[in-house]
Structure formats: C-alpha cells, structure tokens
Amino acid sequence: MADLAALTQLIEPEAKALGFDLVRVKMFGGSGDPTLQVMAERPDTRQLTIDDCAALSRRISDRLDELEASGRDPIEHAYRLEVSSPGIDRPLTRLRDFQDWTGHEARITLAEKLDGRKQFKGDLAGAEADSVLLVLPDGTQAHLPFGLIHDAKLTITDRLIAATAPLSTEGADEFVEADEPLASNDDAEMEGQD
C-alpha cells in the first residue's frame, strides 16, 4: 500500500503552485481497482472547475511520472488518478474545516469510542484547541478530540445547498421545471424512431 503521508507531501506543492488548497489524498479500491483520489479547492470559492481539476491532474501525473522514471515511484502498482473538488457533502479533514463550516450539520466517526459511542451527528459549533465542537440533536455540546476523528463529512441540507451554490451554470444543460414529467429512456428511443 502506498504511503499516504509521503504522497500528500508530493502532491501538496503541486496544488499550491496552482493556488489550490489540498483537502484530501486517499487510496481506495483495493488491489482490484486501486484509485488515488486527490481533492482540492480554491481558497476563495471552496470549489474547483473542470479546468482546475485537469490542470492539477496533469501536474500530479507529471510529477509522479518523473519519480517513476528516476526509479522512485511512490506507488508500485498500476492505479487510476482521480482529481476532484470536495463536493457538497465534503469530507472534513483539517481542523479549520470544522471552523469554516460552523452551523452546518456533520456526521463524525471516531477511531475509538468516546463516552460509549463512535458516531456523532449534529451541527458544527467550531473548533477550539485540538477539539471539534458539535451541537447534538438534544442540544448538548460534544467536544470531540480532532486526533480521534476517523471520518467526518458534511450532511446535505437545504442550508448547505444554499451555502455552496455553483461557481457558474455556464455549459449546464437546460433546466426542466419540477412539475413537468420527465421522459423515460423508452419514450426518448420511441421519439427518435419517427
């Protein structure tokens, strides 16, 4: 398995060179379909365009190809590279993410139990020192040690959707009003046969 800390150290300067913040580097898919996933964002918009993803993908590929050519390949097996924006239900990987998304709902899983449980859901209330503050549904506040967080991501809510409007709708398909019935694939195929 690839060393994610070493990969992060290789990839982060490539993202920074383009003006992006690195959100996460992760390997998944096991030996059958290994994928190196890189999530990044523009600091001002918290998103990436398709062109941004392509530019970062080229930089990372060039850097990894250079290392492979010199016999220092950090990933010793074939893999797929996936570069993306974090998306609306983004992972929360840095302490500042929990502060930046204060007021939004999140699901947090700890590596080990705290107060008899590993999973927490509630509204983010920021971060202090090395703890994440979460207001639970019963109104109590949980202080979750950042070092114990195994996985955390935002939960899709209307409030989050409003806060993460796309940068641009240019190039998007035409919108269909919700009260209009959508044609099924069978209907579309039949229309094309006339």
C-alpha atoms as a PDB file:
ATOM      1  CA  MET A   1       0.000   0.000   0.000  1.00  0.00           C
ATOM      2  CA  ALA A   2       1.212   3.500  -0.816  1.00  0.00           C
ATOM      3  CA  ASP A   3       2.386   5.829   1.958  1.00  0.00           C
ATOM      4  CA  LEU A   4      -0.349   8.495   2.059  1.00  0.00           C
ATOM      5  CA  ALA A   5       1.718  10.927   4.137  1.00  0.00           C
ATOM      6  CA  ALA A   6       4.529  10.767   1.551  1.00  0.00           C
ATOM      7  CA  LEU A   7       2.054  11.153  -1.324  1.00  0.00           C
ATOM      8  CA  THR A   8       0.489  14.145   0.399  1.00  0.00           C
ATOM      9  CA  GLN A   9       3.935  15.756   0.705  1.00  0.00           C
ATOM     10  CA  LEU A  10       4.488  15.215  -3.031  1.00  0.00           C
ATOM     11  CA  ILE A  11       1.059  16.422  -4.130  1.00  0.00           C
ATOM     12  CA  GLU A  12       0.537  19.433  -1.858  1.00  0.00           C
ATOM     13  CA  PRO A  13       3.210  21.618  -3.538  1.00  0.00           C
ATOM     14  CA  GLU A  14       1.667  20.845  -6.936  1.00  0.00           C
ATOM     15  CA  ALA A  15      -1.738  22.020  -5.682  1.00  0.00           C
ATOM     16  CA  LYS A  16      -0.214  25.114  -4.012  1.00  0.00           C
ATOM     17  CA  ALA A  17       1.604  26.006  -7.267  1.00  0.00           C
ATOM     18  CA  LEU A  18      -1.813  26.346  -8.909  1.00  0.00           C
ATOM     19  CA  GLY A  19      -3.233  28.338  -5.975  1.00  0.00           C
ATOM     20  CA  PHE A  20      -5.279  25.434  -4.571  1.00  0.00           C
ATOM     21  CA  ASP A  21      -5.580  24.048  -1.058  1.00  0.00           C
ATOM     22  CA  LEU A  22      -5.246  20.297  -0.747  1.00  0.00           C
ATOM     23  CA  VAL A  23      -8.262  18.781   1.045  1.00  0.00           C
ATOM     24  CA  ARG A  24      -7.522  15.054   0.972  1.00  0.00           C
ATOM     25  CA  VAL A  25      -5.298  12.366  -0.548  1.00  0.00           C
ATOM     26  CA  LYS A  26      -6.713   8.858  -0.291  1.00  0.00           C
ATOM     27  CA  MET A  27      -6.168   5.433  -1.867  1.00  0.00           C
ATOM     28  CA  PHE A  28      -9.204   3.196  -2.278  1.00  0.00           C
ATOM     29  CA  GLY A  29     -10.419   0.312  -4.409  1.00  0.00           C
ATOM     30  CA  GLY A  30      -8.043  -2.317  -3.034  1.00  0.00           C
ATOM     31  CA  SER A  31      -5.832  -4.381  -5.317  1.00  0.00           C
ATOM     32  CA  GLY A  32      -8.616  -4.960  -7.874  1.00  0.00           C
ATOM     33  CA  ASP A  33      -9.165  -1.321  -8.847  1.00  0.00           C
ATOM     34  CA  PRO A  34      -6.771   0.983  -6.958  1.00  0.00           C
ATOM     35  CA  THR A  35      -7.539   4.677  -7.215  1.00  0.00           C
ATOM     36  CA  LEU A  36      -5.509   7.607  -5.934  1.00  0.00           C
ATOM     37  CA  GLN A  37      -8.098  10.239  -5.035  1.00  0.00           C
ATOM     38  CA  VAL A  38      -6.982  13.846  -4.698  1.00  0.00           C
ATOM     39  CA  MET A  39      -9.433  16.510  -3.509  1.00  0.00           C
ATOM     40  CA  ALA A  40      -8.509  20.172  -3.667  1.00  0.00           C
ATOM     41  CA  GLU A  41     -10.244  23.547  -3.667  1.00  0.00           C
ATOM     42  CA  ARG A  42      -9.700  27.196  -4.438  1.00  0.00           C
ATOM     43  CA  PRO A  43      -9.428  29.017  -1.084  1.00  0.00           C
ATOM     44  CA  ASP A  44     -11.812  31.781  -2.207  1.00  0.00           C
ATOM     45  CA  THR A  45     -14.614  29.597  -3.609  1.00  0.00           C
ATOM     46  CA  ARG A  46     -14.090  26.206  -1.879  1.00  0.00           C
ATOM     47  CA  GLN A  47     -14.629  24.617  -5.316  1.00  0.00           C
ATOM     48  CA  LEU A  48     -12.700  23.641  -8.454  1.00  0.00           C
ATOM     49  CA  THR A  49     -13.759  23.933 -12.070  1.00  0.00           C
ATOM     50  CA  ILE A  50     -13.266  21.095 -14.542  1.00  0.00           C
ATOM     51  CA  ASP A  51     -10.303  23.015 -15.997  1.00  0.00           C
ATOM     52  CA  ASP A  52      -8.801  23.316 -12.495  1.00  0.00           C
ATOM     53  CA  CYS A  53      -9.125  19.545 -11.999  1.00  0.00           C
ATOM     54  CA  ALA A  54      -7.491  18.883 -15.373  1.00  0.00           C
ATOM     55  CA  ALA A  55      -4.587  21.256 -14.613  1.00  0.00           C
ATOM     56  CA  LEU A  56      -3.956  19.658 -11.214  1.00  0.00           C
ATOM     57  CA  SER A  57      -4.242  16.156 -12.665  1.00  0.00           C
ATOM     58  CA  ARG A  58      -1.585  16.992 -15.294  1.00  0.00           C
ATOM     59  CA  ARG A  59       0.781  18.431 -12.657  1.00  0.00           C
ATOM     60  CA  ILE A  60       0.395  15.411 -10.385  1.00  0.00           C
ATOM     61  CA  SER A  61       0.788  12.953 -13.282  1.00  0.00           C
ATOM     62  CA  ASP A  62       3.915  14.729 -14.499  1.00  0.00           C
ATOM     63  CA  ARG A  63       5.427  14.686 -11.001  1.00  0.00           C
ATOM     64  CA  LEU A  64       4.640  11.000 -10.423  1.00  0.00           C
ATOM     65  CA  ASP A  65       5.920  10.080 -13.913  1.00  0.00           C
ATOM     66  CA  GLU A  66       9.163  11.949 -13.169  1.00  0.00           C
ATOM     67  CA  LEU A  67       9.611   9.966  -9.949  1.00  0.00           C
ATOM     68  CA  GLU A  68       8.851   6.684 -11.707  1.00  0.00           C
ATOM     69  CA  ALA A  69      11.410   7.458 -14.432  1.00  0.00           C
ATOM     70  CA  SER A  70      14.068   8.038 -11.752  1.00  0.00           C
ATOM     71  CA  GLY A  71      13.225   4.732 -10.025  1.00  0.00           C
ATOM     72  CA  ARG A  72      11.489   6.380  -7.049  1.00  0.00           C
ATOM     73  CA  ASP A  73       7.855   5.554  -7.850  1.00  0.00           C
ATOM     74  CA  PRO A  74       5.793   6.149  -4.673  1.00  0.00           C
ATOM     75  CA  ILE A  75       3.067   3.775  -5.942  1.00  0.00           C
ATOM     76  CA  GLU A  76       4.498   0.464  -7.060  1.00  0.00           C
ATOM     77  CA  HIS A  77       1.404  -0.845  -8.864  1.00  0.00           C
ATOM     78  CA  ALA A  78      -0.974   0.362 -11.554  1.00  0.00           C
ATOM     79  CA  TYR A  79      -3.651   2.780 -10.323  1.00  0.00           C
ATOM     80  CA  ARG A  80      -6.112   5.369 -11.523  1.00  0.00           C
ATOM     81  CA  LEU A  81      -5.731   9.060 -10.619  1.00  0.00           C
ATOM     82  CA  GLU A  82      -8.936  10.891  -9.677  1.00  0.00           C
ATOM     83  CA  VAL A  83      -8.780  14.650  -9.071  1.00  0.00           C
ATOM     84  CA  SER A  84     -11.902  16.453  -7.882  1.00  0.00           C
ATOM     85  CA  SER A  85     -13.447  19.226  -5.872  1.00  0.00           C
ATOM     86  CA  PRO A  86     -14.630  18.063  -2.425  1.00  0.00           C
ATOM     87  CA  GLY A  87     -18.297  18.308  -3.426  1.00  0.00           C
ATOM     88  CA  ILE A  88     -21.288  19.441  -1.422  1.00  0.00           C
ATOM     89  CA  ASP A  89     -21.115  16.702   1.228  1.00  0.00           C
ATOM     90  CA  ARG A  90     -17.408  17.281   1.513  1.00  0.00           C
ATOM     91  CA  PRO A  91     -15.088  15.429   3.831  1.00  0.00           C
ATOM     92  CA  LEU A  92     -13.846  17.456   6.774  1.00  0.00           C
ATOM     93  CA  THR A  93     -10.149  16.657   7.059  1.00  0.00           C
ATOM     94  CA  ARG A  94      -8.494  19.717   8.558  1.00  0.00           C
ATOM     95  CA  LEU A  95      -9.256  21.358  11.894  1.00  0.00           C
ATOM     96  CA  ARG A  96     -10.049  24.595  10.064  1.00  0.00           C
ATOM     97  CA  ASP A  97     -12.765  22.781   8.025  1.00  0.00           C
ATOM     98  CA  PHE A  98     -14.770  22.289  11.210  1.00  0.00           C
ATOM     99  CA  GLN A  99     -14.433  26.004  11.981  1.00  0.00           C
ATOM    100  CA  ASP A 100     -15.189  27.117   8.413  1.00  0.00           C
ATOM    101  CA  TRP A 101     -18.403  25.079   8.242  1.00  0.00           C
ATOM    102  CA  THR A 102     -19.769  26.133  11.652  1.00  0.00           C
ATOM    103  CA  GLY A 103     -23.568  25.970  11.684  1.00  0.00           C
ATOM    104  CA  HIS A 104     -23.776  23.113   9.189  1.00  0.00           C
ATOM    105  CA  GLU A 105     -24.712  19.535  10.008  1.00  0.00           C
ATOM    106  CA  ALA A 106     -21.986  16.886  10.003  1.00  0.00           C
ATOM    107  CA  ARG A 107     -21.537  13.170  10.639  1.00  0.00           C
ATOM    108  CA  ILE A 108     -18.381  12.274  12.535  1.00  0.00           C
ATOM    109  CA  THR A 109     -16.979   8.814  13.221  1.00  0.00           C
ATOM    110  CA  LEU A 110     -14.236   8.387  15.797  1.00  0.00           C
ATOM    111  CA  ALA A 111     -11.458   5.792  15.664  1.00  0.00           C
ATOM    112  CA  GLU A 112     -12.370   4.679  19.187  1.00  0.00           C
ATOM    113  CA  LYS A 113     -15.321   5.180  21.499  1.00  0.00           C
ATOM    114  CA  LEU A 114     -15.794   8.372  23.447  1.00  0.00           C
ATOM    115  CA  ASP A 115     -18.485   8.369  26.134  1.00  0.00           C
ATOM    116  CA  GLY A 116     -19.589   4.932  24.873  1.00  0.00           C
ATOM    117  CA  ARG A 117     -20.030   5.840  21.208  1.00  0.00           C
ATOM    118  CA  LYS A 118     -18.065   6.256  17.995  1.00  0.00           C
ATOM    119  CA  GLN A 119     -20.620   8.012  15.762  1.00  0.00           C
ATOM    120  CA  PHE A 120     -21.898  11.543  16.226  1.00  0.00           C
ATOM    121  CA  LYS A 121     -24.248  13.730  14.195  1.00  0.00           C
ATOM    122  CA  GLY A 122     -25.082  17.352  14.840  1.00  0.00           C
ATOM    123  CA  ASP A 123     -24.397  20.961  13.939  1.00  0.00           C
ATOM    124  CA  LEU A 124     -20.776  22.072  13.875  1.00  0.00           C
ATOM    125  CA  ALA A 125     -20.038  24.685  16.527  1.00  0.00           C
ATOM    126  CA  GLY A 126     -16.424  25.345  15.540  1.00  0.00           C
ATOM    127  CA  ALA A 127     -13.164  24.150  16.962  1.00  0.00           C
ATOM    128  CA  GLU A 128     -11.064  25.084  19.958  1.00  0.00           C
ATOM    129  CA  ALA A 129      -7.535  23.900  20.675  1.00  0.00           C
ATOM    130  CA  ASP A 130      -7.482  20.341  19.290  1.00  0.00           C
ATOM    131  CA  SER A 131     -11.209  19.609  19.670  1.00  0.00           C
ATOM    132  CA  VAL A 132     -14.180  19.832  17.347  1.00  0.00           C
ATOM    133  CA  LEU A 133     -17.370  21.192  18.880  1.00  0.00           C
ATOM    134  CA  LEU A 134     -20.638  19.602  17.820  1.00  0.00           C
ATOM    135  CA  VAL A 135     -24.154  20.519  18.996  1.00  0.00           C
ATOM    136  CA  LEU A 136     -26.034  17.240  19.246  1.00  0.00           C
ATOM    137  CA  PRO A 137     -29.773  16.890  18.432  1.00  0.00           C
ATOM    138  CA  ASP A 138     -30.623  17.000  22.165  1.00  0.00           C
ATOM    139  CA  GLY A 139     -28.925  20.421  22.436  1.00  0.00           C
ATOM    140  CA  THR A 140     -25.862  19.236  24.350  1.00  0.00           C
ATOM    141  CA  GLN A 141     -22.399  20.004  23.052  1.00  0.00           C
ATOM    142  CA  ALA A 142     -19.812  17.305  22.364  1.00  0.00           C
ATOM    143  CA  HIS A 143     -16.082  18.070  22.424  1.00  0.00           C
ATOM    144  CA  LEU A 144     -14.510  15.569  20.029  1.00  0.00           C
ATOM    145  CA  PRO A 145     -10.707  15.300  20.010  1.00  0.00           C
ATOM    146  CA  PHE A 146      -9.511  16.036  16.473  1.00  0.00           C
ATOM    147  CA  GLY A 147      -6.888  13.286  16.724  1.00  0.00           C
ATOM    148  CA  LEU A 148      -9.624  10.670  17.302  1.00  0.00           C
ATOM    149  CA  ILE A 149     -11.648  11.589  14.209  1.00  0.00           C
ATOM    150  CA  HIS A 150     -11.563   8.747  11.699  1.00  0.00           C
ATOM    151  CA  ASP A 151     -14.074  10.156   9.216  1.00  0.00           C
ATOM    152  CA  ALA A 152     -16.148  13.332   9.031  1.00  0.00           C
ATOM    153  CA  LYS A 153     -18.294  14.874   6.347  1.00  0.00           C
ATOM    154  CA  LEU A 154     -20.996  17.448   5.907  1.00  0.00           C
ATOM    155  CA  THR A 155     -24.593  16.273   5.626  1.00  0.00           C
ATOM    156  CA  ILE A 156     -26.637  17.591   2.706  1.00  0.00           C
ATOM    157  CA  THR A 157     -29.261  20.018   3.966  1.00  0.00           C
ATOM    158  CA  ASP A 158     -31.095  22.951   2.355  1.00  0.00           C
ATOM    159  CA  ARG A 159     -28.850  25.284   4.364  1.00  0.00           C
ATOM    160  CA  LEU A 160     -25.718  23.621   2.919  1.00  0.00           C
ATOM    161  CA  ILE A 161     -27.078  23.673  -0.629  1.00  0.00           C
ATOM    162  CA  ALA A 162     -27.718  27.414  -0.324  1.00  0.00           C
ATOM    163  CA  ALA A 163     -24.190  27.975   1.022  1.00  0.00           C
ATOM    164  CA  THR A 164     -22.477  26.020  -1.775  1.00  0.00           C
ATOM    165  CA  ALA A 165     -24.076  27.394  -4.918  1.00  0.00           C
ATOM    166  CA  PRO A 166     -22.034  26.501  -8.019  1.00  0.00           C
ATOM    167  CA  LEU A 167     -19.482  28.945  -9.354  1.00  0.00           C
ATOM    168  CA  SER A 168     -21.248  29.069 -12.704  1.00  0.00           C
ATOM    169  CA  THR A 169     -24.036  27.316 -14.555  1.00  0.00           C
ATOM    170  CA  GLU A 170     -22.386  28.052 -17.909  1.00  0.00           C
ATOM    171  CA  GLY A 171     -22.380  24.918 -20.020  1.00  0.00           C
ATOM    172  CA  ALA A 172     -25.024  23.225 -17.893  1.00  0.00           C
ATOM    173  CA  ASP A 173     -27.919  21.501 -19.615  1.00  0.00           C
ATOM    174  CA  GLU A 174     -31.223  23.318 -19.771  1.00  0.00           C
ATOM    175  CA  PHE A 175     -33.190  23.053 -16.535  1.00  0.00           C
ATOM    176  CA  VAL A 176     -36.534  21.229 -16.556  1.00  0.00           C
ATOM    177  CA  GLU A 177     -39.291  22.505 -14.269  1.00  0.00           C
ATOM    178  CA  ALA A 178     -40.049  20.034 -11.453  1.00  0.00           C
ATOM    179  CA  ASP A 179     -43.755  19.804 -12.269  1.00  0.00           C
ATOM    180  CA  GLU A 180     -43.099  18.623 -15.855  1.00  0.00           C
ATOM    181  CA  PRO A 181     -42.980  14.833 -16.316  1.00  0.00           C
ATOM    182  CA  LEU A 182     -39.619  13.597 -17.472  1.00  0.00           C
ATOM    183  CA  ALA A 183     -39.476  11.283 -20.494  1.00  0.00           C
ATOM    184  CA  SER A 184     -38.184   7.812 -19.788  1.00  0.00           C
ATOM    185  CA  ASN A 185     -35.424   6.295 -21.927  1.00  0.00           C
ATOM    186  CA  ASP A 186     -38.089   4.190 -23.689  1.00  0.00           C
ATOM    187  CA  ASP A 187     -40.036   7.350 -24.603  1.00  0.00           C
ATOM    188  CA  ALA A 188     -36.880   9.031 -25.912  1.00  0.00           C
ATOM    189  CA  GLU A 189     -35.993   5.998 -28.032  1.00  0.00           C
ATOM    190  CA  MET A 190     -39.518   5.846 -29.485  1.00  0.00           C
ATOM    191  CA  GLU A 191     -39.464   9.577 -30.328  1.00  0.00           C
ATOM    192  CA  GLY A 192     -36.221   9.059 -32.254  1.00  0.00           C
ATOM    193  CA  GLN A 193     -37.826   6.338 -34.391  1.00  0.00           C
ATOM    194  CA  ASP A 194     -40.470   8.571 -36.015  1.00  0.00           C
END
